[in-house]
Amino acid sequence: MIAEILYAFKVILGLIFLFFVPGYAITLALFPRKDELSLVEKIGFACALSIAADILTTLFIDVVFHVPTTASNIFFSLLTLTLIFLGIWRVEIYIINKKGEQNG
């Protein structure tokens, strides 16, 4: 019983990570200001960009690095991609805030 619940939990979290998280990080990096997109637009961009990022990342690690495409390899490469784009987003926010302090 508990194993089935944990498996369902793992599948749900995996699908959320696969179809939303990398794309949302990319969306934040592309549109760092809060007022640039509405929530619906951010979710739409996140889903579309996430699917594209999943496919391109999997192809990249397979073709360029010749890494076998296992679930864990894909997960860690997408996690790395997500963290890179979150880092880019934080740098952009820092730069935007610095410019605001200088102008204000």
N, C-alpha and C. Protein backbone atom coordinates (compact mmCIF):
# COMPACT_ATOMS: atom_id res chain seq x y z
N MET A 1 0.82 -1.20 0.00
CA MET A 1 0.00 0.00 0.00
C MET A 1 0.87 1.27 0.00
N ILE A 2 1.83 1.31 0.91
CA ILE A 2 2.70 2.48 1.00
C ILE A 2 3.58 2.58 -0.25
N ALA A 3 4.03 1.45 -0.76
CA ALA A 3 4.86 1.46 -1.96
C ALA A 3 4.09 2.02 -3.15
N GLU A 4 2.81 1.71 -3.25
CA GLU A 4 2.00 2.22 -4.35
C GLU A 4 1.77 3.73 -4.22
N ILE A 5 1.59 4.20 -2.99
CA ILE A 5 1.42 5.64 -2.76
C ILE A 5 2.72 6.37 -3.11
N LEU A 6 3.84 5.82 -2.68
CA LEU A 6 5.13 6.44 -3.00
C LEU A 6 5.40 6.44 -4.49
N TYR A 7 5.02 5.37 -5.17
CA TYR A 7 5.19 5.30 -6.62
C TYR A 7 4.34 6.36 -7.31
N ALA A 8 3.09 6.52 -6.88
CA ALA A 8 2.21 7.54 -7.47
C ALA A 8 2.77 8.93 -7.20
N PHE A 9 3.28 9.16 -5.99
CA PHE A 9 3.90 10.43 -5.64
C PHE A 9 5.12 10.71 -6.51
N LYS A 10 5.92 9.67 -6.74
CA LYS A 10 7.11 9.80 -7.59
C LYS A 10 6.72 10.13 -9.03
N VAL A 11 5.69 9.51 -9.53
CA VAL A 11 5.23 9.76 -10.90
C VAL A 11 4.70 11.19 -11.04
N ILE A 12 3.92 11.64 -10.07
CA ILE A 12 3.35 12.99 -10.13
C ILE A 12 4.46 14.03 -10.08
N LEU A 13 5.40 13.88 -9.15
CA LEU A 13 6.51 14.83 -9.06
C LEU A 13 7.39 14.78 -10.32
N GLY A 14 7.58 13.60 -10.86
CA GLY A 14 8.36 13.46 -12.09
C GLY A 14 7.72 14.17 -13.26
N LEU A 15 6.41 14.05 -13.38
CA LEU A 15 5.70 14.73 -14.48
C LEU A 15 5.73 16.24 -14.32
N ILE A 16 5.58 16.70 -13.07
CA ILE A 16 5.66 18.14 -12.83
C ILE A 16 7.06 18.64 -13.19
N PHE A 17 8.07 17.89 -12.77
CA PHE A 17 9.44 18.30 -13.09
C PHE A 17 9.68 18.26 -14.59
N LEU A 18 9.20 17.24 -15.25
CA LEU A 18 9.45 17.08 -16.68
C LEU A 18 8.73 18.12 -17.52
N PHE A 19 7.48 18.42 -17.19
CA PHE A 19 6.66 19.28 -18.05
C PHE A 19 6.53 20.72 -17.58
N PHE A 20 7.17 21.09 -16.45
CA PHE A 20 6.98 22.45 -15.97
C PHE A 20 8.25 23.13 -15.46
N VAL A 21 9.01 22.48 -14.62
CA VAL A 21 10.08 23.14 -13.88
C VAL A 21 11.19 23.71 -14.78
N PRO A 22 11.79 22.95 -15.70
CA PRO A 22 12.84 23.57 -16.53
C PRO A 22 12.31 24.73 -17.38
N GLY A 23 11.12 24.59 -17.90
CA GLY A 23 10.53 25.64 -18.71
C GLY A 23 10.23 26.89 -17.90
N TYR A 24 9.83 26.72 -16.64
CA TYR A 24 9.57 27.88 -15.80
C TYR A 24 10.87 28.61 -15.48
N ALA A 25 11.95 27.87 -15.26
CA ALA A 25 13.24 28.50 -15.03
C ALA A 25 13.70 29.27 -16.26
N ILE A 26 13.48 28.70 -17.43
CA ILE A 26 13.84 29.40 -18.68
C ILE A 26 12.97 30.64 -18.85
N THR A 27 11.69 30.53 -18.53
CA THR A 27 10.78 31.67 -18.63
C THR A 27 11.21 32.79 -17.69
N LEU A 28 11.61 32.45 -16.48
CA LEU A 28 12.10 33.47 -15.54
C LEU A 28 13.35 34.15 -16.08
N ALA A 29 14.23 33.38 -16.70
CA ALA A 29 15.46 33.97 -17.24
C ALA A 29 15.17 34.86 -18.45
N LEU A 30 14.19 34.49 -19.26
CA LEU A 30 13.86 35.29 -20.44
C LEU A 30 13.05 36.54 -20.10
N PHE A 31 12.20 36.45 -19.09
CA PHE A 31 11.34 37.56 -18.67
C PHE A 31 11.51 37.78 -17.17
N PRO A 32 12.60 38.44 -16.75
CA PRO A 32 12.89 38.54 -15.31
C PRO A 32 11.97 39.47 -14.52
N ARG A 33 11.38 40.46 -15.17
CA ARG A 33 10.50 41.39 -14.45
C ARG A 33 9.14 40.75 -14.21
N LYS A 34 8.56 41.05 -13.05
CA LYS A 34 7.29 40.44 -12.68
C LYS A 34 6.13 40.86 -13.57
N ASP A 35 6.18 42.08 -14.08
CA ASP A 35 5.05 42.61 -14.84
C ASP A 35 5.15 42.36 -16.35
N GLU A 36 6.13 41.59 -16.79
CA GLU A 36 6.28 41.36 -18.23
C GLU A 36 5.26 40.37 -18.78
N LEU A 37 4.91 39.37 -18.00
CA LEU A 37 3.95 38.35 -18.44
C LEU A 37 2.93 38.10 -17.34
N SER A 38 1.72 37.72 -17.75
CA SER A 38 0.73 37.31 -16.76
C SER A 38 1.02 35.87 -16.32
N LEU A 39 0.34 35.44 -15.29
CA LEU A 39 0.56 34.09 -14.76
C LEU A 39 0.21 33.02 -15.80
N VAL A 40 -0.87 33.23 -16.53
CA VAL A 40 -1.29 32.26 -17.56
C VAL A 40 -0.24 32.17 -18.66
N GLU A 41 0.29 33.31 -19.07
CA GLU A 41 1.33 33.31 -20.10
C GLU A 41 2.61 32.62 -19.60
N LYS A 42 2.96 32.87 -18.34
CA LYS A 42 4.14 32.21 -17.78
C LYS A 42 3.97 30.69 -17.75
N ILE A 43 2.79 30.23 -17.37
CA ILE A 43 2.54 28.79 -17.32
C ILE A 43 2.56 28.19 -18.72
N GLY A 44 1.97 28.89 -19.68
CA GLY A 44 1.98 28.42 -21.07
C GLY A 44 3.39 28.34 -21.62
N PHE A 45 4.16 29.41 -21.43
CA PHE A 45 5.56 29.40 -21.88
C PHE A 45 6.35 28.31 -21.16
N ALA A 46 6.09 28.14 -19.87
CA ALA A 46 6.82 27.14 -19.09
C ALA A 46 6.59 25.74 -19.63
N CYS A 47 5.35 25.42 -19.94
CA CYS A 47 5.05 24.08 -20.46
C CYS A 47 5.69 23.86 -21.83
N ALA A 48 5.56 24.84 -22.71
CA ALA A 48 6.13 24.70 -24.06
C ALA A 48 7.66 24.65 -24.02
N LEU A 49 8.27 25.56 -23.26
CA LEU A 49 9.72 25.58 -23.18
C LEU A 49 10.27 24.35 -22.46
N SER A 50 9.52 23.83 -21.52
CA SER A 50 9.97 22.65 -20.80
C SER A 50 10.02 21.43 -21.72
N ILE A 51 9.01 21.27 -22.54
CA ILE A 51 9.01 20.14 -23.47
C ILE A 51 10.17 20.27 -24.46
N ALA A 52 10.37 21.49 -24.96
CA ALA A 52 11.49 21.70 -25.88
C ALA A 52 12.83 21.46 -25.18
N ALA A 53 12.96 21.94 -23.96
CA ALA A 53 14.22 21.75 -23.21
C ALA A 53 14.46 20.28 -22.92
N ASP A 54 13.40 19.54 -22.61
CA ASP A 54 13.55 18.10 -22.35
C ASP A 54 14.11 17.39 -23.57
N ILE A 55 13.51 17.66 -24.71
CA ILE A 55 13.93 16.99 -25.94
C ILE A 55 15.35 17.37 -26.32
N LEU A 56 15.64 18.68 -26.30
CA LEU A 56 16.97 19.13 -26.70
C LEU A 56 18.06 18.69 -25.73
N THR A 57 17.76 18.69 -24.45
CA THR A 57 18.75 18.23 -23.47
C THR A 57 19.03 16.75 -23.62
N THR A 58 18.00 15.96 -23.82
CA THR A 58 18.19 14.53 -24.01
C THR A 58 19.01 14.25 -25.27
N LEU A 59 18.69 14.93 -26.36
CA LEU A 59 19.48 14.77 -27.58
C LEU A 59 20.92 15.22 -27.38
N PHE A 60 21.11 16.33 -26.68
CA PHE A 60 22.44 16.86 -26.46
C PHE A 60 23.32 15.90 -25.67
N ILE A 61 22.79 15.36 -24.56
CA ILE A 61 23.64 14.45 -23.77
C ILE A 61 23.88 13.13 -24.50
N ASP A 62 22.95 12.76 -25.37
CA ASP A 62 23.13 11.51 -26.10
C ASP A 62 24.10 11.68 -27.27
N VAL A 63 23.91 12.71 -28.07
CA VAL A 63 24.71 12.88 -29.28
C VAL A 63 26.08 13.48 -28.99
N VAL A 64 26.13 14.52 -28.18
CA VAL A 64 27.39 15.22 -27.96
C VAL A 64 28.27 14.50 -26.94
N PHE A 65 27.70 14.15 -25.80
CA PHE A 65 28.49 13.54 -24.72
C PHE A 65 28.48 12.01 -24.76
N HIS A 66 27.64 11.43 -25.58
CA HIS A 66 27.51 9.96 -25.69
C HIS A 66 27.20 9.33 -24.33
N VAL A 67 26.36 10.01 -23.56
CA VAL A 67 25.90 9.50 -22.28
C VAL A 67 24.62 8.72 -22.52
N PRO A 68 24.49 7.53 -21.96
CA PRO A 68 23.26 6.77 -22.16
C PRO A 68 22.06 7.53 -21.59
N THR A 69 20.96 7.49 -22.29
CA THR A 69 19.78 8.24 -21.86
C THR A 69 18.94 7.42 -20.89
N THR A 70 19.40 7.39 -19.67
CA THR A 70 18.64 6.75 -18.61
C THR A 70 17.83 7.82 -17.88
N ALA A 71 16.89 7.40 -17.07
CA ALA A 71 16.05 8.35 -16.36
C ALA A 71 16.87 9.24 -15.43
N SER A 72 17.83 8.64 -14.74
CA SER A 72 18.63 9.45 -13.81
C SER A 72 19.54 10.43 -14.55
N ASN A 73 20.10 10.03 -15.69
CA ASN A 73 20.95 10.95 -16.46
C ASN A 73 20.14 12.12 -17.00
N ILE A 74 18.95 11.84 -17.49
CA ILE A 74 18.09 12.91 -17.99
C ILE A 74 17.67 13.82 -16.84
N PHE A 75 17.33 13.25 -15.69
CA PHE A 75 16.93 14.05 -14.53
C PHE A 75 18.05 14.99 -14.11
N PHE A 76 19.26 14.47 -13.98
CA PHE A 76 20.37 15.31 -13.52
C PHE A 76 20.76 16.36 -14.55
N SER A 77 20.65 16.04 -15.83
CA SER A 77 20.97 17.06 -16.84
C SER A 77 19.90 18.14 -16.87
N LEU A 78 18.63 17.77 -16.69
CA LEU A 78 17.57 18.79 -16.63
C LEU A 78 17.66 19.60 -15.34
N LEU A 79 18.05 18.97 -14.26
CA LEU A 79 18.25 19.69 -13.01
C LEU A 79 19.38 20.71 -13.16
N THR A 80 20.46 20.31 -13.83
CA THR A 80 21.58 21.22 -14.08
C THR A 80 21.13 22.38 -14.95
N LEU A 81 20.38 22.09 -16.01
CA LEU A 81 19.87 23.14 -16.88
C LEU A 81 18.97 24.10 -16.11
N THR A 82 18.12 23.57 -15.26
CA THR A 82 17.23 24.40 -14.44
C THR A 82 18.03 25.30 -13.51
N LEU A 83 19.03 24.75 -12.86
CA LEU A 83 19.85 25.54 -11.94
C LEU A 83 20.64 26.62 -12.68
N ILE A 84 21.10 26.32 -13.88
CA ILE A 84 21.81 27.34 -14.67
C ILE A 84 20.88 28.50 -15.00
N PHE A 85 19.67 28.20 -15.45
CA PHE A 85 18.74 29.28 -15.79
C PHE A 85 18.25 30.03 -14.57
N LEU A 86 18.13 29.36 -13.43
CA LEU A 86 17.79 30.08 -12.20
C LEU A 86 18.93 31.01 -11.79
N GLY A 87 20.15 30.59 -11.99
CA GLY A 87 21.30 31.45 -11.72
C GLY A 87 21.31 32.66 -12.63
N ILE A 88 21.02 32.46 -13.91
CA ILE A 88 20.94 33.57 -14.86
C ILE A 88 19.85 34.54 -14.43
N TRP A 89 18.72 34.02 -14.01
CA TRP A 89 17.61 34.86 -13.56
C TRP A 89 18.00 35.69 -12.35
N ARG A 90 18.70 35.08 -11.38
CA ARG A 90 19.11 35.82 -10.19
C ARG A 90 20.10 36.92 -10.54
N VAL A 91 21.01 36.68 -11.47
CA VAL A 91 21.95 37.70 -11.90
C VAL A 91 21.19 38.85 -12.58
N GLU A 92 20.21 38.52 -13.41
CA GLU A 92 19.41 39.56 -14.07
C GLU A 92 18.65 40.40 -13.04
N ILE A 93 18.08 39.76 -12.03
CA ILE A 93 17.37 40.49 -10.98
C ILE A 93 18.34 41.40 -10.23
N TYR A 94 19.53 40.93 -9.94
CA TYR A 94 20.55 41.74 -9.27
C TYR A 94 20.90 42.97 -10.10
N ILE A 95 21.09 42.77 -11.40
CA ILE A 95 21.43 43.89 -12.30
C ILE A 95 20.27 44.88 -12.38
N ILE A 96 19.05 44.38 -12.48
CA ILE A 96 17.88 45.26 -12.54
C ILE A 96 17.77 46.08 -11.26
N ASN A 97 17.99 45.45 -10.10
CA ASN A 97 17.91 46.18 -8.84
C ASN A 97 19.02 47.21 -8.71
N LYS A 98 20.22 46.89 -9.17
CA LYS A 98 21.33 47.85 -9.14
C LYS A 98 21.03 49.06 -10.00
N LYS A 99 20.47 48.84 -11.19
CA LYS A 99 20.12 49.95 -12.07
C LYS A 99 19.03 50.81 -11.44
N GLY A 100 18.10 50.17 -10.75
CA GLY A 100 17.03 50.91 -10.07
C GLY A 100 17.56 51.77 -8.94
N GLU A 101 18.56 51.29 -8.22
CA GLU A 101 19.16 52.06 -7.14
C GLU A 101 19.93 53.25 -7.69
N GLN A 102 20.61 53.06 -8.82
CA GLN A 102 21.38 54.16 -9.40
C GLN A 102 20.48 55.25 -9.98
N ASN A 103 19.35 54.85 -10.54
CA ASN A 103 18.45 55.83 -11.13
C ASN A 103 17.54 56.49 -10.09
N GLY A 104 17.33 55.83 -8.96
CA GLY A 104 16.39 56.34 -7.97
C GLY A 104 16.98 57.08 -6.88
